[in-house]
C-alpha cells in the first residue's frame, strides 16, 4: 500500500510540474515575442473575435481575457497531462532498475 501512495504522489507531482512549466512557457512566449509577432495573444484573440463574430471587442475587454485564460487553462492541462505521462515513464523505469 505504501508503494501505491508513493506512486500517486510521484505522478501528481509530475502533473503539477508539467502544468506549471507549460504555463510559464506560454506566458513567457506571449511576453517575449509580442513585438516580433506584431502583438500578444490577447490582440490575436480580439482580432479573431472581430473577424469571425463581428463583436467589435478590444484586446482589453473582459471577453478577450476570459478566452485568454481559457486558452492558458487548456495549455496548462495539456502540459499537466504530458508531465503525468513523463513521470509515469520515469517511475516505471526506476522501478525496473531497482528490482
C-alpha atoms as a PDB file:
ATOM      1  CA  UNK A   1       0.000   0.000   0.000  1.00  0.00           C
ATOM      2  CA  UNK A   2       2.897   2.344   0.732  1.00  0.00           C
ATOM      3  CA  UNK A   3       4.237   1.789  -2.779  1.00  0.00           C
ATOM      4  CA  UNK A   4       0.905   2.819  -4.291  1.00  0.00           C
ATOM      5  CA  UNK A   5       0.818   6.018  -2.244  1.00  0.00           C
ATOM      6  CA  UNK A   6       4.373   6.802  -3.310  1.00  0.00           C
ATOM      7  CA  UNK A   7       3.495   6.271  -6.970  1.00  0.00           C
ATOM      8  CA  UNK A   8       0.441   8.501  -6.655  1.00  0.00           C
ATOM      9  CA  UNK A   9       2.496  11.319  -5.116  1.00  0.00           C
ATOM     10  CA  UNK A  10       5.146  10.938  -7.806  1.00  0.00           C
ATOM     11  CA  UNK A  11       2.608  11.061 -10.650  1.00  0.00           C
ATOM     12  CA  UNK A  12       0.670  14.010  -9.215  1.00  0.00           C
ATOM     13  CA  UNK A  13       3.941  15.859  -8.675  1.00  0.00           C
ATOM     14  CA  UNK A  14       4.869  15.245 -12.311  1.00  0.00           C
ATOM     15  CA  UNK A  15       1.493  16.508 -13.499  1.00  0.00           C
ATOM     16  CA  UNK A  16       1.736  19.679 -11.403  1.00  0.00           C
ATOM     17  CA  UNK A  17       5.295  20.321 -12.544  1.00  0.00           C
ATOM     18  CA  UNK A  18       4.355  19.785 -16.194  1.00  0.00           C
ATOM     19  CA  UNK A  19       1.382  22.121 -15.905  1.00  0.00           C
ATOM     20  CA  UNK A  20       3.414  24.872 -14.257  1.00  0.00           C
ATOM     21  CA  UNK A  21       6.215  24.587 -16.810  1.00  0.00           C
ATOM     22  CA  UNK A  22       3.686  24.716 -19.653  1.00  0.00           C
ATOM     23  CA  UNK A  23       2.002  27.781 -18.151  1.00  0.00           C
ATOM     24  CA  UNK A  24       5.331  29.543 -17.628  1.00  0.00           C
ATOM     25  CA  UNK A  25       6.449  28.856 -21.194  1.00  0.00           C
ATOM     26  CA  UNK A  26       3.139  30.096 -22.634  1.00  0.00           C
ATOM     27  CA  UNK A  27       3.223  33.346 -20.656  1.00  0.00           C
ATOM     28  CA  UNK A  28       6.906  33.954 -21.407  1.00  0.00           C
ATOM     29  CA  UNK A  29       6.364  33.347 -25.126  1.00  0.00           C
ATOM     30  CA  UNK A  30       3.496  35.835 -25.074  1.00  0.00           C
ATOM     31  CA  UNK A  31       5.632  38.452 -23.335  1.00  0.00           C
ATOM     32  CA  UNK A  32       8.929  37.924 -25.153  1.00  0.00           C
ATOM     33  CA  UNK A  33       7.655  37.540 -28.712  1.00  0.00           C
ATOM     34  CA  UNK A  34       4.932  40.214 -28.617  1.00  0.00           C
ATOM     35  CA  UNK A  35       6.959  42.681 -30.696  1.00  0.00           C
ATOM     36  CA  UNK A  36       8.317  40.091 -33.111  1.00  0.00           C
ATOM     37  CA  UNK A  37       4.895  38.631 -33.871  1.00  0.00           C
ATOM     38  CA  UNK A  38       3.129  42.043 -34.009  1.00  0.00           C
ATOM     39  CA  UNK A  39       1.057  41.618 -30.869  1.00  0.00           C
ATOM     40  CA  UNK A  40       0.139  39.421 -27.957  1.00  0.00           C
ATOM     41  CA  UNK A  41      -2.307  36.555 -27.765  1.00  0.00           C
ATOM     42  CA  UNK A  42      -4.929  38.965 -26.479  1.00  0.00           C
ATOM     43  CA  UNK A  43      -4.528  41.030 -29.655  1.00  0.00           C
ATOM     44  CA  UNK A  44      -4.891  37.888 -31.762  1.00  0.00           C
ATOM     45  CA  UNK A  45      -7.992  36.782 -29.838  1.00  0.00           C
ATOM     46  CA  UNK A  46      -9.573  40.225 -30.238  1.00  0.00           C
ATOM     47  CA  UNK A  47      -8.822  40.232 -33.967  1.00  0.00           C
ATOM     48  CA  UNK A  48     -10.291  36.740 -34.391  1.00  0.00           C
ATOM     49  CA  UNK A  49     -13.439  37.672 -32.467  1.00  0.00           C
ATOM     50  CA  UNK A  50     -13.831  40.799 -34.580  1.00  0.00           C
ATOM     51  CA  UNK A  51     -13.215  38.927 -37.828  1.00  0.00           C
ATOM     52  CA  UNK A  52     -15.340  35.834 -37.262  1.00  0.00           C
ATOM     53  CA  UNK A  53     -18.098  37.084 -34.955  1.00  0.00           C
ATOM     54  CA  UNK A  54     -18.075  40.864 -35.677  1.00  0.00           C
ATOM     55  CA  UNK A  55     -18.155  41.668 -31.958  1.00  0.00           C
ATOM     56  CA  UNK A  56     -16.053  44.836 -32.046  1.00  0.00           C
ATOM     57  CA  UNK A  57     -14.023  43.994 -28.934  1.00  0.00           C
ATOM     58  CA  UNK A  58     -10.650  45.430 -27.968  1.00  0.00           C
ATOM     59  CA  UNK A  59      -7.710  43.500 -26.584  1.00  0.00           C
ATOM     60  CA  UNK A  60      -8.553  44.798 -23.099  1.00  0.00           C
ATOM     61  CA  UNK A  61     -12.171  43.624 -22.945  1.00  0.00           C
ATOM     62  CA  UNK A  62     -13.382  41.063 -20.436  1.00  0.00           C
ATOM     63  CA  UNK A  63     -14.397  38.566 -23.141  1.00  0.00           C
ATOM     64  CA  UNK A  64     -10.882  38.562 -24.565  1.00  0.00           C
ATOM     65  CA  UNK A  65      -9.417  37.998 -21.102  1.00  0.00           C
ATOM     66  CA  UNK A  66     -11.854  35.131 -20.457  1.00  0.00           C
ATOM     67  CA  UNK A  67     -10.859  33.420 -23.692  1.00  0.00           C
ATOM     68  CA  UNK A  68      -7.186  34.099 -22.960  1.00  0.00           C
ATOM     69  CA  UNK A  69      -7.444  32.409 -19.560  1.00  0.00           C
ATOM     70  CA  UNK A  70      -9.389  29.552 -21.156  1.00  0.00           C
ATOM     71  CA  UNK A  71      -6.573  29.002 -23.670  1.00  0.00           C
ATOM     72  CA  UNK A  72      -3.991  29.195 -20.877  1.00  0.00           C
ATOM     73  CA  UNK A  73      -6.035  26.628 -18.948  1.00  0.00           C
ATOM     74  CA  UNK A  74      -6.050  24.279 -21.932  1.00  0.00           C
ATOM     75  CA  UNK A  75      -2.292  24.650 -22.342  1.00  0.00           C
ATOM     76  CA  UNK A  76      -1.759  24.053 -18.629  1.00  0.00           C
ATOM     77  CA  UNK A  77      -3.963  20.945 -18.703  1.00  0.00           C
ATOM     78  CA  UNK A  78      -2.085  19.575 -21.704  1.00  0.00           C
ATOM     79  CA  UNK A  79       1.250  20.280 -20.006  1.00  0.00           C
ATOM     80  CA  UNK A  80      -0.006  18.563 -16.865  1.00  0.00           C
ATOM     81  CA  UNK A  81      -1.020  15.523 -18.880  1.00  0.00           C
ATOM     82  CA  UNK A  82       2.381  15.376 -20.556  1.00  0.00           C
ATOM     83  CA  UNK A  83       4.084  15.759 -17.163  1.00  0.00           C
ATOM     84  CA  UNK A  84       1.950  12.909 -15.816  1.00  0.00           C
ATOM     85  CA  UNK A  85       2.941  10.648 -18.719  1.00  0.00           C
ATOM     86  CA  UNK A  86       6.620  11.573 -18.374  1.00  0.00           C
ATOM     87  CA  UNK A  87       6.640  10.959 -14.632  1.00  0.00           C
ATOM     88  CA  UNK A  88       4.876   7.614 -15.205  1.00  0.00           C
ATOM     89  CA  UNK A  89       7.645   6.514 -17.550  1.00  0.00           C
ATOM     90  CA  UNK A  90      10.289   7.711 -15.093  1.00  0.00           C
ATOM     91  CA  UNK A  91       8.591   5.875 -12.226  1.00  0.00           C
ATOM     92  CA  UNK A  92       8.395   2.628 -14.199  1.00  0.00           C
ATOM     93  CA  UNK A  93      11.976   2.964 -15.446  1.00  0.00           C
ATOM     94  CA  UNK A  94      13.426   3.483 -11.984  1.00  0.00           C
ATOM     95  CA  UNK A  95      11.161   0.737 -10.663  1.00  0.00           C
ATOM     96  CA  UNK A  96      12.693  -1.696 -13.153  1.00  0.00           C
ATOM     97  CA  UNK A  97      16.193  -0.543 -12.208  1.00  0.00           C
ATOM     98  CA  UNK A  98      15.595  -1.110  -8.510  1.00  0.00           C
ATOM     99  CA  UNK A  99      14.364  -4.695  -8.981  1.00  0.00           C
END
